[in-house]
């Protein structure tokens, strides 16, 4: 088997490239994840997709390939909220842990999956580690060789935050994300991890984007795969609302789109007193907010309220026997 025929289809530039159907995309990604493509072919795949862009059917196929190979997380019969954490933060504090713990305080099971993809940024797992959640922070270079049998993902529970490293879910997916360190380009793996439900059953995925074009494409993918999700412009690529202004929020229940919030123009009248973009300072701030010693930023409070309400809808939908495509 080879991915060369797919490269000939997708590698003809922005105007000449042709899209793959869902089954073809799943086969291509499957070969990459199974180690059947050479390093040269993987580099060509990454460059071709970066130029062409992914269609909803292609991303659905890539997700199919990952889902067929990854270790799914035991949701223990719950409907967890899934927070993908990959970008980290450079200028602002990474407040994904605040969102996760605020949701857990409302009784929801929360799964955070991720790995470091930017060595110069503070990763959410570093903050979680200082809060005593999720073990050590993701490693910096050099990336250790993954073990043949990754550790089992823990079982989820209501009112608890669980952190899982990407390589625990699927080592080959971590390898594909790390290709960026070599070729300097994002590839479809960087998008699909923000759409991925790693759980055995239904879950409420909080997907985020950094540019308007990704808002359109991610909405199309969530609709195509029948996802339960929230979609927003994240804070420096993290799935948490910007503490300084309310972003647009959209929801998807079994793929059906619901508008929740319009984007706020400008900033809040009273800006929150945010900590430095430092793991220790951020962890101290998270503790203070959760203890009531500092105010919860209004946009994050609104995001939590919307997620709690969405979670009820997804649970009700799951109880009727509705399933995702």
Protein backbone atom coordinates (compact mmCIF):
# COMPACT_ATOMS: atom_id res chain seq x y z
CA UNK A 1 0.00 0.00 0.00
CA UNK A 2 1.09 3.57 -0.63
CA UNK A 3 -0.34 7.05 -0.24
CA UNK A 4 1.21 8.19 -3.54
CA UNK A 5 -2.13 8.13 -5.46
CA UNK A 6 -3.66 10.36 -2.80
CA UNK A 7 -0.69 12.75 -2.96
CA UNK A 8 -1.16 13.03 -6.72
CA UNK A 9 -4.77 14.03 -6.09
CA UNK A 10 -4.30 16.54 -3.27
CA UNK A 11 -0.85 17.87 -4.22
CA UNK A 12 -1.66 19.92 -7.32
CA UNK A 13 -1.84 23.29 -5.61
CA UNK A 14 -4.76 25.35 -4.38
CA UNK A 15 -6.51 25.48 -7.76
CA UNK A 16 -5.60 22.08 -9.20
CA UNK A 17 -5.96 19.85 -6.14
CA UNK A 18 -8.99 17.58 -5.82
CA UNK A 19 -10.66 16.60 -2.59
CA UNK A 20 -10.79 13.08 -1.21
CA UNK A 21 -14.01 11.44 -0.13
CA UNK A 22 -14.44 10.31 3.47
CA UNK A 23 -13.32 6.72 2.84
CA UNK A 24 -10.23 7.80 0.89
CA UNK A 25 -9.27 10.27 3.61
CA UNK A 26 -9.66 7.59 6.26
CA UNK A 27 -7.43 5.22 4.27
CA UNK A 28 -4.77 7.90 3.76
CA UNK A 29 -4.68 8.87 7.44
CA UNK A 30 -4.78 5.22 8.46
CA UNK A 31 -1.64 4.48 6.44
CA UNK A 32 0.12 7.47 7.99
CA UNK A 33 -0.83 6.42 11.52
CA UNK A 34 0.08 2.78 10.87
CA UNK A 35 3.60 3.69 9.78
CA UNK A 36 3.06 2.63 6.17
CA UNK A 37 4.03 6.02 4.70
CA UNK A 38 7.64 7.15 4.39
CA UNK A 39 8.92 10.32 6.04
CA UNK A 40 9.10 11.92 2.58
CA UNK A 41 5.47 11.00 1.87
CA UNK A 42 4.33 12.35 5.24
CA UNK A 43 6.12 15.63 4.58
CA UNK A 44 4.47 15.85 1.15
CA UNK A 45 1.08 15.07 2.72
CA UNK A 46 1.50 17.84 5.31
CA UNK A 47 2.58 20.41 2.71
CA UNK A 48 -0.17 19.46 0.26
CA UNK A 49 -2.95 19.67 2.84
CA UNK A 50 -1.58 22.96 4.18
CA UNK A 51 -1.88 24.48 0.71
CA UNK A 52 -5.17 22.85 -0.28
CA UNK A 53 -7.03 22.97 3.02
CA UNK A 54 -9.25 20.21 4.38
CA UNK A 55 -12.87 19.65 3.41
CA UNK A 56 -15.44 18.48 6.00
CA UNK A 57 -15.51 15.02 4.37
CA UNK A 58 -11.71 14.77 4.52
CA UNK A 59 -11.61 15.77 8.18
CA UNK A 60 -14.42 13.33 8.93
CA UNK A 61 -12.35 10.59 7.30
CA UNK A 62 -9.22 11.58 9.21
CA UNK A 63 -11.24 11.43 12.44
CA UNK A 64 -12.59 8.00 11.46
CA UNK A 65 -9.03 6.73 11.10
CA UNK A 66 -7.99 8.09 14.50
CA UNK A 67 -11.10 6.77 16.23
CA UNK A 68 -10.52 3.30 14.76
CA UNK A 69 -7.00 3.16 16.22
CA UNK A 70 -6.96 5.12 19.46
CA UNK A 71 -7.51 3.96 23.00
CA UNK A 72 -10.91 5.35 23.93
CA UNK A 73 -11.44 6.81 27.38
CA UNK A 74 -13.88 5.02 29.66
CA UNK A 75 -16.62 7.58 30.25
CA UNK A 76 -18.27 5.34 32.89
CA UNK A 77 -21.67 5.94 31.32
CA UNK A 78 -21.41 9.73 31.67
CA UNK A 79 -21.42 12.45 29.02
CA UNK A 80 -18.13 14.28 29.64
CA UNK A 81 -17.10 17.75 28.54
CA UNK A 82 -13.95 17.40 26.42
CA UNK A 83 -11.37 20.20 26.37
CA UNK A 84 -8.56 19.81 23.79
CA UNK A 85 -5.45 21.66 25.02
CA UNK A 86 -2.63 21.94 22.49
CA UNK A 87 -1.70 25.58 21.88
CA UNK A 88 -0.84 26.81 25.34
CA UNK A 89 -0.43 30.54 25.96
CA UNK A 90 2.25 33.10 25.26
CA UNK A 91 0.87 36.56 26.12
CA UNK A 92 -2.09 35.70 28.37
CA UNK A 93 -2.46 33.20 31.21
CA UNK A 94 -3.70 29.81 30.02
CA UNK A 95 -7.08 29.53 31.76
CA UNK A 96 -8.19 26.15 30.43
CA UNK A 97 -7.66 24.73 33.97
CA UNK A 98 -10.01 27.38 35.39
CA UNK A 99 -12.70 26.42 32.87
CA UNK A 100 -12.21 22.71 33.56
CA UNK A 101 -12.36 23.05 37.35
CA UNK A 102 -15.34 25.42 37.22
CA UNK A 103 -17.23 22.83 35.16
CA UNK A 104 -16.25 20.05 37.58
CA UNK A 105 -17.48 22.22 40.47
CA UNK A 106 -20.89 22.18 38.76
CA UNK A 107 -20.83 18.38 38.83
CA UNK A 108 -19.76 17.67 35.24
CA UNK A 109 -17.16 15.07 34.25
CA UNK A 110 -14.35 16.83 32.40
CA UNK A 111 -11.68 15.33 30.16
CA UNK A 112 -8.69 17.42 29.06
CA UNK A 113 -6.48 15.84 26.40
CA UNK A 114 -3.41 17.37 24.88
CA UNK A 115 0.33 17.66 24.48
CA UNK A 116 2.88 20.41 24.04
CA UNK A 117 3.09 21.60 20.44
CA UNK A 118 4.72 24.98 21.16
CA UNK A 119 7.87 24.86 23.29
CA UNK A 120 7.88 28.59 23.96
CA UNK A 121 4.37 28.67 25.44
CA UNK A 122 2.98 27.76 28.85
CA UNK A 123 0.91 24.59 28.50
CA UNK A 124 -2.28 23.96 30.47
CA UNK A 125 -0.83 20.70 31.81
CA UNK A 126 1.89 22.71 33.56
CA UNK A 127 -0.80 24.61 35.44
CA UNK A 128 -2.76 21.43 36.15
CA UNK A 129 0.41 19.87 37.58
CA UNK A 130 0.79 22.77 40.01
CA UNK A 131 -2.83 22.29 41.00
CA UNK A 132 -2.16 18.61 41.71
CA UNK A 133 -4.08 17.33 38.69
CA UNK A 134 -2.87 15.18 35.82
CA UNK A 135 0.71 14.47 36.83
CA UNK A 136 3.74 16.05 35.24
CA UNK A 137 3.63 18.60 32.44
CA UNK A 138 4.06 17.40 28.84
CA UNK A 139 7.73 16.90 27.96
CA UNK A 140 9.79 19.35 25.94
CA UNK A 141 12.23 18.20 23.27
CA UNK A 142 13.55 15.63 22.86
CA UNK A 143 10.28 13.71 22.77
CA UNK A 144 10.73 10.32 24.42
CA UNK A 145 10.20 7.24 22.31
CA UNK A 146 6.62 6.06 22.95
CA UNK A 147 6.24 2.71 24.63
CA UNK A 148 4.69 -0.10 22.54
CA UNK A 149 1.76 -0.26 24.94
CA UNK A 150 0.73 3.20 26.18
CA UNK A 151 -0.68 3.50 29.69
CA UNK A 152 -4.42 3.07 30.01
CA UNK A 153 -6.50 6.20 30.22
CA UNK A 154 -8.24 6.58 33.58
CA UNK A 155 -11.99 6.31 34.02
CA UNK A 156 -13.97 9.55 34.13
CA UNK A 157 -16.27 10.58 36.95
CA UNK A 158 -18.79 13.39 37.57
CA UNK A 159 -17.31 16.40 39.32
CA UNK A 160 -13.72 15.48 38.43
CA UNK A 161 -11.16 16.72 35.92
CA UNK A 162 -9.12 14.03 34.17
CA UNK A 163 -6.06 14.88 32.05
CA UNK A 164 -4.87 12.48 29.35
CA UNK A 165 -1.78 12.87 27.17
CA UNK A 166 -2.27 12.50 23.42
CA UNK A 167 0.29 9.71 23.26
CA UNK A 168 -1.77 7.74 25.75
CA UNK A 169 -4.69 7.91 23.33
CA UNK A 170 -2.64 7.15 20.22
CA UNK A 171 1.17 7.42 20.07
CA UNK A 172 1.14 7.79 16.28
CA UNK A 173 -1.08 10.85 16.56
CA UNK A 174 1.51 12.48 18.81
CA UNK A 175 4.16 11.63 16.22
CA UNK A 176 2.13 13.33 13.48
CA UNK A 177 1.69 16.45 15.60
CA UNK A 178 5.46 16.50 16.15
CA UNK A 179 6.10 16.59 12.38
CA UNK A 180 5.57 20.34 12.70
CA UNK A 181 8.85 20.57 14.59
CA UNK A 182 10.64 19.25 11.50
CA UNK A 183 8.79 20.79 8.54
CA UNK A 184 7.58 23.96 10.28
CA UNK A 185 3.99 23.57 9.05
CA UNK A 186 0.74 22.69 10.74
CA UNK A 187 -0.93 19.57 9.36
CA UNK A 188 -4.43 18.06 9.62
CA UNK A 189 -3.59 16.52 13.00
CA UNK A 190 -3.49 20.00 14.58
CA UNK A 191 -7.08 20.57 13.47
CA UNK A 192 -8.50 17.12 14.12
CA UNK A 193 -7.38 17.00 17.76
CA UNK A 194 -9.61 20.04 18.37
CA UNK A 195 -12.58 18.13 16.95
CA UNK A 196 -11.87 14.75 18.50
CA UNK A 197 -14.12 12.94 20.96
CA UNK A 198 -11.76 10.45 22.67
CA UNK A 199 -14.53 8.88 24.76
CA UNK A 200 -16.32 5.61 24.20
CA UNK A 201 -19.74 7.30 24.05
CA UNK A 202 -21.15 10.73 23.40
CA UNK A 203 -19.32 13.77 24.74
CA UNK A 204 -19.59 17.55 24.56
CA UNK A 205 -16.44 18.71 22.72
CA UNK A 206 -15.31 22.31 23.14
CA UNK A 207 -13.71 23.15 19.82
CA UNK A 208 -11.84 26.40 19.26
CA UNK A 209 -10.28 28.27 16.37
CA UNK A 210 -7.89 31.18 15.93
CA UNK A 211 -8.91 32.47 12.49
CA UNK A 212 -12.36 33.11 10.90
CA UNK A 213 -11.84 30.58 8.10
CA UNK A 214 -11.41 27.82 10.68
CA UNK A 215 -14.71 28.83 12.30
CA UNK A 216 -16.45 28.05 9.01
CA UNK A 217 -14.62 24.77 8.37
CA UNK A 218 -14.98 23.48 11.94
CA UNK A 219 -18.70 24.26 11.93
CA UNK A 220 -19.04 22.25 8.73
CA UNK A 221 -17.16 19.32 10.23
CA UNK A 222 -19.17 19.28 13.46
CA UNK A 223 -22.35 19.24 11.36
CA UNK A 224 -20.96 16.54 9.06
CA UNK A 225 -20.05 14.14 11.89
CA UNK A 226 -23.15 14.86 13.97
CA UNK A 227 -21.14 16.16 16.91
CA UNK A 228 -22.20 17.49 20.27
CA UNK A 229 -19.99 20.53 20.62
CA UNK A 230 -19.36 24.15 21.47
CA UNK A 231 -17.39 26.25 19.00
CA UNK A 232 -15.65 29.53 19.83
CA UNK A 233 -12.62 31.62 19.04
CA UNK A 234 -10.34 30.46 21.82
CA UNK A 235 -7.75 32.33 23.82
CA UNK A 236 -4.50 31.91 21.87
CA UNK A 237 -5.91 28.64 20.53
CA UNK A 238 -7.09 27.25 23.89
CA UNK A 239 -10.78 26.22 24.33
CA UNK A 240 -11.56 28.91 26.90
CA UNK A 241 -13.25 32.26 26.32
CA UNK A 242 -11.04 35.34 26.33
CA UNK A 243 -11.32 36.83 29.82
CA UNK A 244 -11.30 40.35 28.32
CA UNK A 245 -14.23 40.05 25.89
CA UNK A 246 -17.08 37.69 25.03
CA UNK A 247 -16.42 35.68 21.87
CA UNK A 248 -19.16 34.33 19.63
CA UNK A 249 -20.40 30.97 20.92
CA UNK A 250 -22.15 28.35 18.82
CA UNK A 251 -23.42 24.95 19.89
CA UNK A 252 -24.07 21.70 18.06
CA UNK A 253 -26.42 19.00 19.32
CA UNK A 254 -26.07 15.86 17.18
CA UNK A 255 -24.76 18.16 14.45
CA UNK A 256 -27.60 20.70 14.58
CA UNK A 257 -26.26 24.22 15.05
CA UNK A 258 -27.51 26.62 17.73
CA UNK A 259 -26.27 30.23 18.09
CA UNK A 260 -25.57 31.05 21.74
CA UNK A 261 -23.72 34.37 21.91
CA UNK A 262 -22.69 37.08 19.47
CA UNK A 263 -19.13 38.35 19.63
CA UNK A 264 -18.68 41.37 21.87
CA UNK A 265 -17.03 44.36 20.25
CA UNK A 266 -14.22 45.94 22.21
CA UNK A 267 -13.41 44.83 25.72
CA UNK A 268 -15.33 44.59 28.97
CA UNK A 269 -16.03 47.83 30.83
CA UNK A 270 -14.02 46.49 33.77
CA UNK A 271 -11.08 44.30 32.80
CA UNK A 272 -10.22 41.39 35.11
CA UNK A 273 -6.97 41.53 37.02
CA UNK A 274 -5.23 38.68 35.22
CA UNK A 275 -1.97 37.05 36.33
CA UNK A 276 1.21 36.81 34.32
CA UNK A 277 1.52 34.09 31.69
CA UNK A 278 3.40 31.92 34.17
CA UNK A 279 2.40 28.47 35.50
CA UNK A 280 2.77 29.36 39.19
CA UNK A 281 0.99 32.70 38.92
CA UNK A 282 -1.79 31.15 36.85
CA UNK A 283 -2.29 28.29 39.33
CA UNK A 284 -2.47 30.80 42.20
CA UNK A 285 -5.07 32.81 40.28
CA UNK A 286 -7.17 29.71 39.50
CA UNK A 287 -7.21 28.77 43.19
CA UNK A 288 -8.23 32.31 44.16
CA UNK A 289 -11.12 32.40 41.67
CA UNK A 290 -12.42 28.98 42.68
CA UNK A 291 -12.22 29.93 46.35
CA UNK A 292 -14.18 33.12 45.70
CA UNK A 293 -11.25 35.37 46.59
CA UNK A 294 -11.09 36.77 43.03
CA UNK A 295 -13.97 37.29 40.58
CA UNK A 296 -14.57 34.84 37.77
CA UNK A 297 -14.05 36.65 34.43
CA UNK A 298 -17.48 37.32 32.93
CA UNK A 299 -16.87 35.61 29.55
CA UNK A 300 -15.63 32.42 31.23
CA UNK A 301 -18.58 32.46 33.65
CA UNK A 302 -20.93 32.75 30.66
CA UNK A 303 -19.11 29.91 28.86
CA UNK A 304 -19.50 27.69 31.94
CA UNK A 305 -23.24 28.45 32.16
CA UNK A 306 -23.74 27.66 28.49
CA UNK A 307 -21.79 24.40 28.78
CA UNK A 308 -23.82 23.30 31.79
CA UNK A 309 -27.06 23.96 29.88
CA UNK A 310 -25.70 22.24 26.74
CA UNK A 311 -24.63 19.27 28.81
CA UNK A 312 -28.21 18.82 30.02
CA UNK A 313 -29.43 18.88 26.42
CA UNK A 314 -26.87 16.31 25.29
CA UNK A 315 -27.71 14.02 28.21
CA UNK A 316 -31.41 14.32 27.36
CA UNK A 317 -30.67 13.63 23.70
CA UNK A 318 -28.56 10.60 24.59
CA UNK A 319 -31.39 9.27 26.77
CA UNK A 320 -33.74 9.26 23.75
CA UNK A 321 -31.33 7.02 21.85
CA UNK A 322 -30.22 9.60 19.29
CA UNK A 323 -26.72 8.84 17.97
CA UNK A 324 -23.99 10.73 16.16
CA UNK A 325 -23.17 10.02 12.52
